[in-house]
Amino acid sequence: MNSQFLRVYRKSEEKEILINLGMVWKIDVTYAVKSDNQYFSTDLTHALNNPEAIRFYEVFAGSERVRISSEDSGAEVFDAIYKNALKG
């Protein structure tokens, strides 16, 4: 079985890292709305009723932690995980 990796650019360190998706052990999902080119966090209820709200995924893989917006390239992987997740 081939591992699937997500390539993430770390602007603060000016480097790319590859995250092995098989090592993901937690994804925190938060929401924000955009206004005047700034993001403002919002709660789940407001986000579900606002089609302009976007998701942010904080992905924990091994000892790494990355934050990905649903607008970022590669986020479709986490959108699919989110949509297919069982509700508890």
PDB file of N, CA and C in Angstrom:
ATOM      1  N   MET A   1       0.845  -1.176   0.000  1.00  0.00           N
ATOM      2  CA  MET A   1       0.000   0.000   0.000  1.00  0.00           C
ATOM      3  C   MET A   1       0.893   1.244   0.000  1.00  0.00           C
ATOM      4  N   ASN A   2       0.604   2.169  -0.887  1.00  0.00           N
ATOM      5  CA  ASN A   2       1.363   3.413  -0.951  1.00  0.00           C
ATOM      6  C   ASN A   2       0.809   4.419   0.041  1.00  0.00           C
ATOM      7  N   SER A   3       1.714   5.141   0.678  1.00  0.00           N
ATOM      8  CA  SER A   3       1.293   6.193   1.595  1.00  0.00           C
ATOM      9  C   SER A   3       0.905   7.425   0.795  1.00  0.00           C
ATOM     10  N   GLN A   4      -0.075   8.161   1.307  1.00  0.00           N
ATOM     11  CA  GLN A   4      -0.473   9.414   0.681  1.00  0.00           C
ATOM     12  C   GLN A   4       0.053  10.555   1.539  1.00  0.00           C
ATOM     13  N   PHE A   5       0.658  11.541   0.895  1.00  0.00           N
ATOM     14  CA  PHE A   5       1.246  12.667   1.596  1.00  0.00           C
ATOM     15  C   PHE A   5       0.579  13.963   1.173  1.00  0.00           C
ATOM     16  N   LEU A   6       0.521  14.884   2.097  1.00  0.00           N
ATOM     17  CA  LEU A   6       0.052  16.237   1.831  1.00  0.00           C
ATOM     18  C   LEU A   6       1.248  17.166   1.937  1.00  0.00           C
ATOM     19  N   ARG A   7       1.486  17.971   0.907  1.00  0.00           N
ATOM     20  CA  ARG A   7       2.601  18.915   0.912  1.00  0.00           C
ATOM     21  C   ARG A   7       2.106  20.252   1.467  1.00  0.00           C
ATOM     22  N   VAL A   8       2.796  20.733   2.506  1.00  0.00           N
ATOM     23  CA  VAL A   8       2.415  21.971   3.186  1.00  0.00           C
ATOM     24  C   VAL A   8       3.603  22.921   3.172  1.00  0.00           C
ATOM     25  N   TYR A   9       3.344  24.156   2.784  1.00  0.00           N
ATOM     26  CA  TYR A   9       4.395  25.171   2.799  1.00  0.00           C
ATOM     27  C   TYR A   9       4.348  25.899   4.134  1.00  0.00           C
ATOM     28  N   ARG A  10       5.458  25.890   4.857  1.00  0.00           N
ATOM     29  CA  ARG A  10       5.578  26.613   6.124  1.00  0.00           C
ATOM     30  C   ARG A  10       6.253  27.953   5.849  1.00  0.00           C
ATOM     31  N   LYS A  11       5.419  28.981   5.720  1.00  0.00           N
ATOM     32  CA  LYS A  11       5.913  30.300   5.352  1.00  0.00           C
ATOM     33  C   LYS A  11       6.921  30.838   6.359  1.00  0.00           C
ATOM     34  N   SER A  12       6.649  30.647   7.649  1.00  0.00           N
ATOM     35  CA  SER A  12       7.533  31.190   8.685  1.00  0.00           C
ATOM     36  C   SER A  12       8.936  30.577   8.623  1.00  0.00           C
ATOM     37  N   GLU A  13       9.032  29.336   8.139  1.00  0.00           N
ATOM     38  CA  GLU A  13      10.319  28.651   8.048  1.00  0.00           C
ATOM     39  C   GLU A  13      10.840  28.598   6.612  1.00  0.00           C
ATOM     40  N   GLU A  14      10.036  29.102   5.667  1.00  0.00           N
ATOM     41  CA  GLU A  14      10.373  29.076   4.247  1.00  0.00           C
ATOM     42  C   GLU A  14      10.793  27.688   3.776  1.00  0.00           C
ATOM     43  N   LYS A  15       9.942  26.701   4.108  1.00  0.00           N
ATOM     44  CA  LYS A  15      10.213  25.340   3.661  1.00  0.00           C
ATOM     45  C   LYS A  15       8.898  24.593   3.477  1.00  0.00           C
ATOM     46  N   GLU A  16       8.994  23.487   2.757  1.00  0.00           N
ATOM     47  CA  GLU A  16       7.850  22.609   2.585  1.00  0.00           C
ATOM     48  C   GLU A  16       8.045  21.373   3.452  1.00  0.00           C
ATOM     49  N   ILE A  17       6.929  20.872   3.959  1.00  0.00           N
ATOM     50  CA  ILE A  17       6.963  19.602   4.675  1.00  0.00           C
ATOM     51  C   ILE A  17       5.927  18.684   4.042  1.00  0.00           C
ATOM     52  N   LEU A  18       6.163  17.399   4.137  1.00  0.00           N
ATOM     53  CA  LEU A  18       5.213  16.410   3.651  1.00  0.00           C
ATOM     54  C   LEU A  18       4.617  15.699   4.847  1.00  0.00           C
ATOM     55  N   ILE A  19       3.300  15.709   4.937  1.00  0.00           N
ATOM     56  CA  ILE A  19       2.587  15.071   6.045  1.00  0.00           C
ATOM     57  C   ILE A  19       2.044  13.736   5.554  1.00  0.00           C
ATOM     58  N   ASN A  20       2.425  12.647   6.216  1.00  0.00           N
ATOM     59  CA  ASN A  20       1.911  11.321   5.898  1.00  0.00           C
ATOM     60  C   ASN A  20       0.490  11.232   6.447  1.00  0.00           C
ATOM     61  N   LEU A  21      -0.482  11.151   5.562  1.00  0.00           N
ATOM     62  CA  LEU A  21      -1.880  11.133   5.996  1.00  0.00           C
ATOM     63  C   LEU A  21      -2.216   9.892   6.820  1.00  0.00           C
ATOM     64  N   GLY A  22      -1.414   8.848   6.700  1.00  0.00           N
ATOM     65  CA  GLY A  22      -1.620   7.658   7.518  1.00  0.00           C
ATOM     66  C   GLY A  22      -1.248   7.874   8.982  1.00  0.00           C
ATOM     67  N   MET A  23      -0.556   8.971   9.272  1.00  0.00           N
ATOM     68  CA  MET A  23      -0.135   9.276  10.643  1.00  0.00           C
ATOM     69  C   MET A  23      -1.079  10.255  11.349  1.00  0.00           C
ATOM     70  N   VAL A  24      -2.126  10.712  10.669  1.00  0.00           N
ATOM     71  CA  VAL A  24      -3.064  11.666  11.273  1.00  0.00           C
ATOM     72  C   VAL A  24      -3.819  10.977  12.396  1.00  0.00           C
ATOM     73  N   TRP A  25      -3.784  11.585  13.585  1.00  0.00           N
ATOM     74  CA  TRP A  25      -4.490  11.004  14.722  1.00  0.00           C
ATOM     75  C   TRP A  25      -5.601  11.921  15.240  1.00  0.00           C
ATOM     76  N   LYS A  26      -5.632  13.173  14.771  1.00  0.00           N
ATOM     77  CA  LYS A  26      -6.709  14.071  15.187  1.00  0.00           C
ATOM     78  C   LYS A  26      -6.789  15.226  14.205  1.00  0.00           C
ATOM     79  N   ILE A  27      -8.027  15.692  13.959  1.00  0.00           N
ATOM     80  CA  ILE A  27      -8.253  16.890  13.158  1.00  0.00           C
ATOM     81  C   ILE A  27      -9.252  17.753  13.913  1.00  0.00           C
ATOM     82  N   ASP A  28      -8.827  18.940  14.333  1.00  0.00           N
ATOM     83  CA  ASP A  28      -9.738  19.903  14.956  1.00  0.00           C
ATOM     84  C   ASP A  28     -10.318  20.765  13.846  1.00  0.00           C
ATOM     85  N   VAL A  29     -11.634  20.946  13.866  1.00  0.00           N
ATOM     86  CA  VAL A  29     -12.306  21.742  12.843  1.00  0.00           C
ATOM     87  C   VAL A  29     -12.871  23.000  13.493  1.00  0.00           C
ATOM     88  N   THR A  30     -12.494  24.147  12.946  1.00  0.00           N
ATOM     89  CA  THR A  30     -13.052  25.430  13.387  1.00  0.00           C
ATOM     90  C   THR A  30     -13.549  26.172  12.156  1.00  0.00           C
ATOM     91  N   TYR A  31     -14.288  27.241  12.391  1.00  0.00           N
ATOM     92  CA  TYR A  31     -14.909  27.969  11.295  1.00  0.00           C
ATOM     93  C   TYR A  31     -14.602  29.448  11.395  1.00  0.00           C
ATOM     94  N   ALA A  32     -14.630  30.099  10.224  1.00  0.00           N
ATOM     95  CA  ALA A  32     -14.415  31.538  10.175  1.00  0.00           C
ATOM     96  C   ALA A  32     -15.199  32.119   9.008  1.00  0.00           C
ATOM     97  N   VAL A  33     -15.476  33.409   9.120  1.00  0.00           N
ATOM     98  CA  VAL A  33     -16.063  34.151   8.008  1.00  0.00           C
ATOM     99  C   VAL A  33     -15.091  35.256   7.632  1.00  0.00           C
ATOM    100  N   LYS A  34     -15.109  35.613   6.358  1.00  0.00           N
ATOM    101  CA  LYS A  34     -14.172  36.604   5.856  1.00  0.00           C
ATOM    102  C   LYS A  34     -14.890  37.945   5.687  1.00  0.00           C
ATOM    103  N   SER A  35     -14.238  39.006   6.142  1.00  0.00           N
ATOM    104  CA  SER A  35     -14.763  40.356   5.978  1.00  0.00           C
ATOM    105  C   SER A  35     -13.578  41.299   5.840  1.00  0.00           C
ATOM    106  N   ASP A  36     -13.597  42.124   4.819  1.00  0.00           N
ATOM    107  CA  ASP A  36     -12.509  43.068   4.575  1.00  0.00           C
ATOM    108  C   ASP A  36     -11.147  42.372   4.549  1.00  0.00           C
ATOM    109  N   ASN A  37     -11.081  41.220   3.874  1.00  0.00           N
ATOM    110  CA  ASN A  37      -9.837  40.439   3.739  1.00  0.00           C
ATOM    111  C   ASN A  37      -9.265  39.955   5.067  1.00  0.00           C
ATOM    112  N   GLN A  38     -10.087  39.858   6.090  1.00  0.00           N
ATOM    113  CA  GLN A  38      -9.681  39.295   7.382  1.00  0.00           C
ATOM    114  C   GLN A  38     -10.654  38.182   7.743  1.00  0.00           C
ATOM    115  N   TYR A  39     -10.141  37.210   8.496  1.00  0.00           N
ATOM    116  CA  TYR A  39     -10.988  36.109   8.962  1.00  0.00           C
ATOM    117  C   TYR A  39     -11.385  36.347  10.412  1.00  0.00           C
ATOM    118  N   PHE A  40     -12.661  36.088  10.699  1.00  0.00           N
ATOM    119  CA  PHE A  40     -13.177  36.199  12.058  1.00  0.00           C
ATOM    120  C   PHE A  40     -13.777  34.857  12.439  1.00  0.00           C
ATOM    121  N   SER A  41     -13.314  34.297  13.549  1.00  0.00           N
ATOM    122  CA  SER A  41     -13.813  32.978  13.945  1.00  0.00           C
ATOM    123  C   SER A  41     -15.287  33.075  14.315  1.00  0.00           C
ATOM    124  N   THR A  42     -15.965  31.975  14.126  1.00  0.00           N
ATOM    125  CA  THR A  42     -17.383  31.909  14.416  1.00  0.00           C
ATOM    126  C   THR A  42     -17.703  30.538  15.002  1.00  0.00           C
ATOM    127  N   ASP A  43     -18.888  30.426  15.581  1.00  0.00           N
ATOM    128  CA  ASP A  43     -19.253  29.140  16.169  1.00  0.00           C
ATOM    129  C   ASP A  43     -19.891  28.228  15.123  1.00  0.00           C
ATOM    130  N   LEU A  44     -20.057  26.984  15.499  1.00  0.00           N
ATOM    131  CA  LEU A  44     -20.554  25.966  14.589  1.00  0.00           C
ATOM    132  C   LEU A  44     -21.952  26.298  14.072  1.00  0.00           C
ATOM    133  N   THR A  45     -22.848  26.730  14.941  1.00  0.00           N
ATOM    134  CA  THR A  45     -24.221  27.037  14.535  1.00  0.00           C
ATOM    135  C   THR A  45     -24.249  28.119  13.467  1.00  0.00           C
ATOM    136  N   HIS A  46     -23.511  29.195  13.695  1.00  0.00           N
ATOM    137  CA  HIS A  46     -23.460  30.279  12.708  1.00  0.00           C
ATOM    138  C   HIS A  46     -22.825  29.805  11.414  1.00  0.00           C
ATOM    139  N   ALA A  47     -21.774  29.019  11.505  1.00  0.00           N
ATOM    140  CA  ALA A  47     -21.071  28.543  10.315  1.00  0.00           C
ATOM    141  C   ALA A  47     -21.961  27.664   9.446  1.00  0.00           C
ATOM    142  N   LEU A  48     -22.744  26.797  10.067  1.00  0.00           N
ATOM    143  CA  LEU A  48     -23.609  25.902   9.304  1.00  0.00           C
ATOM    144  C   LEU A  48     -24.719  26.652   8.585  1.00  0.00           C
ATOM    145  N   ASN A  49     -25.077  27.828   9.092  1.00  0.00           N
ATOM    146  CA  ASN A  49     -26.134  28.632   8.480  1.00  0.00           C
ATOM    147  C   ASN A  49     -25.592  29.729   7.568  1.00  0.00           C
ATOM    148  N   ASN A  50     -24.274  29.809   7.423  1.00  0.00           N
ATOM    149  CA  ASN A  50     -23.658  30.846   6.608  1.00  0.00           C
ATOM    150  C   ASN A  50     -22.869  30.179   5.477  1.00  0.00           C
ATOM    151  N   PRO A  51     -23.373  30.275   4.237  1.00  0.00           N
ATOM    152  CA  PRO A  51     -22.674  29.610   3.129  1.00  0.00           C
ATOM    153  C   PRO A  51     -21.282  30.192   2.845  1.00  0.00           C
ATOM    154  N   GLU A  52     -20.981  31.358   3.373  1.00  0.00           N
ATOM    155  CA  GLU A  52     -19.668  31.963   3.153  1.00  0.00           C
ATOM    156  C   GLU A  52     -18.635  31.562   4.203  1.00  0.00           C
ATOM    157  N   ALA A  53     -19.070  30.852   5.227  1.00  0.00           N
ATOM    158  CA  ALA A  53     -18.137  30.398   6.266  1.00  0.00           C
ATOM    159  C   ALA A  53     -17.206  29.350   5.681  1.00  0.00           C
ATOM    160  N   ILE A  54     -15.963  29.371   6.129  1.00  0.00           N
ATOM    161  CA  ILE A  54     -14.999  28.373   5.671  1.00  0.00           C
ATOM    162  C   ILE A  54     -14.487  27.576   6.858  1.00  0.00           C
ATOM    163  N   ARG A  55     -14.022  26.371   6.573  1.00  0.00           N
ATOM    164  CA  ARG A  55     -13.468  25.509   7.617  1.00  0.00           C
ATOM    165  C   ARG A  55     -11.964  25.710   7.703  1.00  0.00           C
ATOM    166  N   PHE A  56     -11.461  25.577   8.920  1.00  0.00           N
ATOM    167  CA  PHE A  56     -10.028  25.472   9.151  1.00  0.00           C
ATOM    168  C   PHE A  56      -9.796  24.132   9.826  1.00  0.00           C
ATOM    169  N   TYR A  57      -8.850  23.376   9.296  1.00  0.00           N
ATOM    170  CA  TYR A  57      -8.494  22.084   9.849  1.00  0.00           C
ATOM    171  C   TYR A  57      -7.141  22.210  10.535  1.00  0.00           C
ATOM    172  N   GLU A  58      -7.106  21.849  11.800  1.00  0.00           N
ATOM    173  CA  GLU A  58      -5.821  21.751  12.495  1.00  0.00           C
ATOM    174  C   GLU A  58      -5.514  20.260  12.559  1.00  0.00           C
ATOM    175  N   VAL A  59      -4.524  19.860  11.787  1.00  0.00           N
ATOM    176  CA  VAL A  59      -4.226  18.449  11.565  1.00  0.00           C
ATOM    177  C   VAL A  59      -3.038  18.039  12.424  1.00  0.00           C
ATOM    178  N   PHE A  60      -3.215  16.971  13.190  1.00  0.00           N
ATOM    179  CA  PHE A  60      -2.169  16.419  14.038  1.00  0.00           C
ATOM    180  C   PHE A  60      -1.723  15.099  13.413  1.00  0.00           C
ATOM    181  N   ALA A  61      -0.470  15.061  12.981  1.00  0.00           N
ATOM    182  CA  ALA A  61       0.086  13.855  12.355  1.00  0.00           C
ATOM    183  C   ALA A  61       1.423  13.578  13.015  1.00  0.00           C
ATOM    184  N   GLY A  62       1.484  12.492  13.780  1.00  0.00           N
ATOM    185  CA  GLY A  62       2.694  12.236  14.558  1.00  0.00           C
ATOM    186  C   GLY A  62       2.902  13.389  15.519  1.00  0.00           C
ATOM    187  N   SER A  63       4.077  13.992  15.501  1.00  0.00           N
ATOM    188  CA  SER A  63       4.348  15.133  16.382  1.00  0.00           C
ATOM    189  C   SER A  63       4.151  16.471  15.660  1.00  0.00           C
ATOM    190  N   GLU A  64       3.763  16.432  14.395  1.00  0.00           N
ATOM    191  CA  GLU A  64       3.550  17.657  13.620  1.00  0.00           C
ATOM    192  C   GLU A  64       2.119  18.162  13.779  1.00  0.00           C
ATOM    193  N   ARG A  65       1.978  19.474  13.639  1.00  0.00           N
ATOM    194  CA  ARG A  65       0.658  20.098  13.670  1.00  0.00           C
ATOM    195  C   ARG A  65       0.623  21.160  12.583  1.00  0.00           C
ATOM    196  N   VAL A  66      -0.360  21.081  11.689  1.00  0.00           N
ATOM    197  CA  VAL A  66      -0.506  22.074  10.628  1.00  0.00           C
ATOM    198  C   VAL A  66      -1.946  22.564  10.586  1.00  0.00           C
ATOM    199  N   ARG A  67      -2.103  23.797  10.172  1.00  0.00           N
ATOM    200  CA  ARG A  67      -3.426  24.408  10.049  1.00  0.00           C
ATOM    201  C   ARG A  67      -3.686  24.671   8.570  1.00  0.00           C
ATOM    202  N   ILE A  68      -4.818  24.172   8.096  1.00  0.00           N
ATOM    203  CA  ILE A  68      -5.150  24.254   6.681  1.00  0.00           C
ATOM    204  C   ILE A  68      -6.553  24.827   6.534  1.00  0.00           C
ATOM    205  N   SER A  69      -6.681  25.807   5.674  1.00  0.00           N
ATOM    206  CA  SER A  69      -7.976  26.397   5.356  1.00  0.00           C
ATOM    207  C   SER A  69      -8.638  25.556   4.279  1.00  0.00           C
ATOM    208  N   SER A  70      -9.965  25.512   4.287  1.00  0.00           N
ATOM    209  CA  SER A  70     -10.664  24.779   3.230  1.00  0.00           C
ATOM    210  C   SER A  70     -10.475  25.455   1.874  1.00  0.00           C
ATOM    211  N   GLU A  71      -9.917  26.655   1.868  1.00  0.00           N
ATOM    212  CA  GLU A  71      -9.608  27.343   0.611  1.00  0.00           C
ATOM    213  C   GLU A  71      -8.215  26.986   0.086  1.00  0.00           C
ATOM    214  N   ASP A  72      -7.401  26.323   0.891  1.00  0.00           N
ATOM    215  CA  ASP A  72      -6.031  25.979   0.499  1.00  0.00           C
ATOM    216  C   ASP A  72      -6.008  24.798  -0.468  1.00  0.00           C
ATOM    217  N   SER A  73      -4.966  24.778  -1.275  1.00  0.00           N
ATOM    218  CA  SER A  73      -4.729  23.646  -2.157  1.00  0.00           C
ATOM    219  C   SER A  73      -4.486  22.402  -1.290  1.00  0.00           C
ATOM    220  N   GLY A  74      -5.101  21.310  -1.640  1.00  0.00           N
ATOM    221  CA  GLY A  74      -4.943  20.075  -0.878  1.00  0.00           C
ATOM    222  C   GLY A  74      -6.003  19.877   0.189  1.00  0.00           C
ATOM    223  N   ALA A  75      -6.774  20.912   0.470  1.00  0.00           N
ATOM    224  CA  ALA A  75      -7.789  20.811   1.526  1.00  0.00           C
ATOM    225  C   ALA A  75      -8.918  19.854   1.166  1.00  0.00           C
ATOM    226  N   GLU A  76      -9.061  19.528  -0.108  1.00  0.00           N
ATOM    227  CA  GLU A  76     -10.138  18.619  -0.503  1.00  0.00           C
ATOM    228  C   GLU A  76      -9.983  17.260   0.169  1.00  0.00           C
ATOM    229  N   VAL A  77      -8.759  16.894   0.532  1.00  0.00           N
ATOM    230  CA  VAL A  77      -8.526  15.646   1.266  1.00  0.00           C
ATOM    231  C   VAL A  77      -9.260  15.702   2.608  1.00  0.00           C
ATOM    232  N   PHE A  78      -9.138  16.825   3.306  1.00  0.00           N
ATOM    233  CA  PHE A  78      -9.765  16.961   4.613  1.00  0.00           C
ATOM    234  C   PHE A  78     -11.253  17.249   4.498  1.00  0.00           C
ATOM    235  N   ASP A  79     -11.671  17.919   3.422  1.00  0.00           N
ATOM    236  CA  ASP A  79     -13.104  18.099   3.176  1.00  0.00           C
ATOM    237  C   ASP A  79     -13.768  16.737   3.009  1.00  0.00           C
ATOM    238  N   ALA A  80     -13.125  15.827   2.282  1.00  0.00           N
ATOM    239  CA  ALA A  80     -13.683  14.491   2.082  1.00  0.00           C
ATOM    240  C   ALA A  80     -13.727  13.705   3.392  1.00  0.00           C
ATOM    241  N   ILE A  81     -12.662  13.815   4.184  1.00  0.00           N
ATOM    242  CA  ILE A  81     -12.648  13.143   5.500  1.00  0.00           C
ATOM    243  C   ILE A  81     -13.779  13.680   6.357  1.00  0.00           C
ATOM    244  N   TYR A  82     -13.956  15.004   6.370  1.00  0.00           N
ATOM    245  CA  TYR A  82     -15.002  15.645   7.157  1.00  0.00           C
ATOM    246  C   TYR A  82     -16.383  15.151   6.728  1.00  0.00           C
ATOM    247  N   LYS A  83     -16.624  15.153   5.431  1.00  0.00           N
ATOM    248  CA  LYS A  83     -17.949  14.785   4.915  1.00  0.00           C
ATOM    249  C   LYS A  83     -18.269  13.307   5.123  1.00  0.00           C
ATOM    250  N   ASN A  84     -17.241  12.464   5.170  1.00  0.00           N
ATOM    251  CA  ASN A  84     -17.436  11.026   5.341  1.00  0.00           C
ATOM    252  C   ASN A  84     -17.333  10.540   6.784  1.00  0.00           C
ATOM    253  N   ALA A  85     -17.034  11.463   7.692  1.00  0.00           N
ATOM    254  CA  ALA A  85     -16.860  11.070   9.096  1.00  0.00           C
ATOM    255  C   ALA A  85     -18.191  10.663   9.710  1.00  0.00           C
ATOM    256  N   LEU A  86     -18.127   9.666  10.565  1.00  0.00           N
ATOM    257  CA  LEU A  86     -19.317   9.244  11.305  1.00  0.00           C
ATOM    258  C   LEU A  86     -19.614  10.279  12.378  1.00  0.00           C
ATOM    259  N   LYS A  87     -20.887  10.558  12.582  1.00  0.00           N
ATOM    260  CA  LYS A  87     -21.268  11.504  13.624  1.00  0.00           C
ATOM    261  C   LYS A  87     -21.461  10.758  14.930  1.00  0.00           C
ATOM    262  N   GLY A  88     -20.863  11.319  15.997  1.00  0.00           N
ATOM    263  CA  GLY A  88     -20.946  10.674  17.304  1.00  0.00           C
ATOM    264  C   GLY A  88     -21.974  11.291  18.181  1.00  0.00           C
TER     265      GLY A  88
END
